[in-house]
Protein backbone atom coordinates (compact mmCIF):
# COMPACT_ATOMS: atom_id res chain seq x y z
CA MET A 1 -12.79 4.41 5.44
CA THR A 2 -10.55 6.52 7.74
CA ASP A 3 -8.62 9.49 6.53
CA GLY A 4 -5.40 7.37 6.94
CA GLN A 5 -6.85 4.38 4.78
CA ALA A 6 -8.08 7.01 2.35
CA ASP A 7 -4.60 8.75 2.16
CA ALA A 8 -3.01 5.39 1.63
CA ALA A 9 -5.33 4.22 -1.11
CA ALA A 10 -4.72 7.58 -2.81
CA THR A 11 -0.90 6.84 -2.58
CA VAL A 12 -1.33 3.42 -3.98
CA ARG A 13 -3.57 4.98 -6.96
CA ASN A 14 -0.97 7.39 -7.62
CA VAL A 15 1.86 4.96 -7.64
CA VAL A 16 -0.21 2.73 -9.94
CA ARG A 17 -0.72 5.65 -12.39
CA ALA A 18 3.09 6.53 -12.39
CA LEU A 19 4.05 3.09 -12.76
CA ALA A 20 1.64 2.62 -15.72
CA ARG A 21 3.15 5.52 -17.49
CA LEU A 22 6.59 4.19 -16.98
CA ALA A 23 5.30 0.81 -18.38
CA LEU A 24 3.89 2.32 -21.60
CA PRO A 25 5.83 1.82 -24.78
CA ALA A 26 8.44 4.57 -25.68
CA ASP A 27 6.32 5.98 -28.56
CA ALA A 28 3.33 6.32 -26.26
CA GLN A 29 5.49 8.09 -23.53
CA ILE A 30 6.65 10.50 -26.09
CA GLU A 31 3.34 11.06 -27.37
CA LEU A 32 1.85 11.73 -24.07
CA LEU A 33 4.57 14.07 -23.05
CA ASP A 34 4.48 15.89 -26.29
CA LYS A 35 0.60 16.43 -25.98
CA ALA A 36 1.17 17.68 -22.42
CA HIS A 37 4.11 19.96 -23.50
CA LEU A 38 6.35 18.20 -20.87
CA PRO A 39 9.89 17.25 -20.89
CA SER A 40 10.76 13.55 -20.34
CA ASP A 41 12.02 14.00 -16.99
CA GLU A 42 8.40 14.56 -15.99
CA LEU A 43 8.14 10.66 -16.08
CA ALA A 44 10.63 10.29 -13.29
CA LEU A 45 9.54 13.37 -11.30
CA ASP A 46 6.03 12.11 -11.32
CA TYR A 47 7.32 8.82 -10.32
CA GLU A 48 9.33 10.34 -7.59
CA TRP A 49 6.53 12.22 -6.22
CA SER A 50 3.97 9.29 -6.29
CA ILE A 51 6.49 7.23 -4.01
CA SER A 52 7.04 9.90 -1.55
CA THR A 53 4.18 8.81 0.73
CA LEU A 54 4.81 5.15 0.44
CA TRP A 55 4.96 4.89 4.22
CA ARG A 56 1.11 5.65 4.17
CA ALA A 57 0.54 2.52 2.13
CA ARG A 58 2.92 0.31 4.00
CA GLU A 59 1.44 1.41 7.49
CA ALA A 60 -2.12 0.70 6.12
CA GLY A 61 -1.04 -2.77 4.89
CA LEU A 62 -1.74 -2.01 1.15
CA ILE A 63 1.81 -2.78 0.03
CA ASP A 64 4.35 -5.12 1.76
CA ARG A 65 8.12 -4.55 1.92
CA GLN A 66 8.75 -6.77 -1.21
CA ILE A 67 6.62 -4.42 -3.26
CA GLU A 68 8.23 -1.25 -1.59
CA ALA A 69 11.72 -2.68 -2.53
CA GLU A 70 10.74 -2.95 -6.11
CA LEU A 71 9.31 0.67 -6.18
CA ARG A 72 12.50 1.88 -4.77
CA ARG A 73 14.65 -0.23 -7.24
CA ILE A 74 12.90 1.41 -10.14
CA ASP A 75 13.51 4.86 -8.32
CA ARG A 76 17.33 3.90 -8.47
CA ASP A 77 17.12 3.07 -12.10
CA LEU A 78 15.87 6.34 -12.91
CA ASP A 79 18.30 7.94 -10.58
CA SER A 80 21.25 6.25 -12.52
CA ILE A 81 20.33 8.13 -15.66
CA SER A 82 19.74 11.54 -13.84
CA GLY A 83 22.06 14.58 -13.60
CA PRO A 84 23.19 17.20 -16.18
CA GLU A 85 26.17 14.62 -17.41
CA ARG A 86 23.20 12.18 -18.75
CA ASP A 87 20.85 14.81 -20.57
CA GLY A 88 20.92 12.65 -23.62
CA LEU A 89 19.26 9.81 -21.78
CA TRP A 90 16.06 11.81 -21.64
CA ALA A 91 16.05 12.46 -25.39
CA ASP A 92 13.35 10.67 -27.43
CA ASP A 93 15.96 8.26 -29.11
CA ALA A 94 17.19 7.33 -25.55
CA LEU A 95 13.49 6.72 -24.49
CA ARG A 96 13.36 4.30 -27.44
CA THR A 97 16.61 2.45 -27.12
CA HIS A 98 18.66 2.94 -23.89
CA PRO A 99 18.67 -0.17 -21.88
CA VAL A 100 18.03 1.33 -18.61
CA TRP A 101 14.67 2.69 -20.08
CA GLU A 102 13.83 -0.82 -21.42
CA GLN A 103 14.74 -2.19 -17.63
CA VAL A 104 12.30 0.40 -16.06
CA ARG A 105 9.38 -0.37 -18.48
CA LYS A 106 9.98 -4.06 -17.64
CA ARG A 107 10.26 -3.64 -13.95
CA ALA A 108 7.12 -1.21 -14.01
CA HIS A 109 5.11 -3.61 -16.05
CA ASP A 110 5.82 -6.61 -13.90
CA LEU A 111 5.06 -4.61 -10.56
CA LEU A 112 1.87 -3.38 -11.85
CA GLY A 113 0.60 -7.04 -11.99
CA THR A 114 2.05 -7.62 -8.51
CA ILE A 115 0.35 -4.49 -7.05
CA ARG A 116 -2.95 -5.46 -8.71
CA SER A 117 -2.81 -8.87 -7.21
CA ALA A 118 -1.99 -7.55 -3.77
CA THR A 119 -4.23 -4.51 -3.86
CA GLY A 120 -6.97 -4.74 -6.63
CA PHE A 121 -5.65 -1.49 -7.94
CA SER A 122 -5.40 -1.84 -11.68
CA PRO A 123 -3.55 0.45 -14.01
CA PRO A 124 -5.39 2.83 -16.44
CA SER A 125 -5.10 1.67 -20.00
CA GLU A 126 -2.86 3.33 -22.74
CA ASP A 127 -6.08 4.57 -24.27
CA ALA A 128 -6.96 6.25 -21.10
CA PHE A 129 -3.75 8.31 -20.96
CA ARG A 130 -4.18 9.24 -24.49
CA ASP A 131 -7.75 10.40 -23.64
CA GLY A 132 -6.56 12.04 -20.47
CA LYS A 133 -8.92 9.84 -18.45
CA PHE A 134 -7.01 7.99 -15.81
CA ASP A 135 -8.28 9.13 -12.57
């Protein structure tokens, strides 16, 4: 495996982990964030970081433009609830009940299946996240 292929594979693994965290039920997300002493916006920041090198995975042929478009769509969903005027949408109650969060969870869940089929990269289980064993 060349360095470029290894970097592309690392990008896909990072994207899959970030998507898996976004796909978790709200209570599991809240539990994980509390356990790590992180604010809820860490879900979006982690996701944003994970997709920052998507071009590597696309150039290596690991993801196609359709997958990339869906990844960008989730990013836009998260952007739609960002900003100081929307701070309330990052509270625990909003994570549990706001329609955008439900939409993000569903899109992330569905996209994980697509990526698994296309690349063979599987998401960590909810228990793996709880145990801190997801690398």
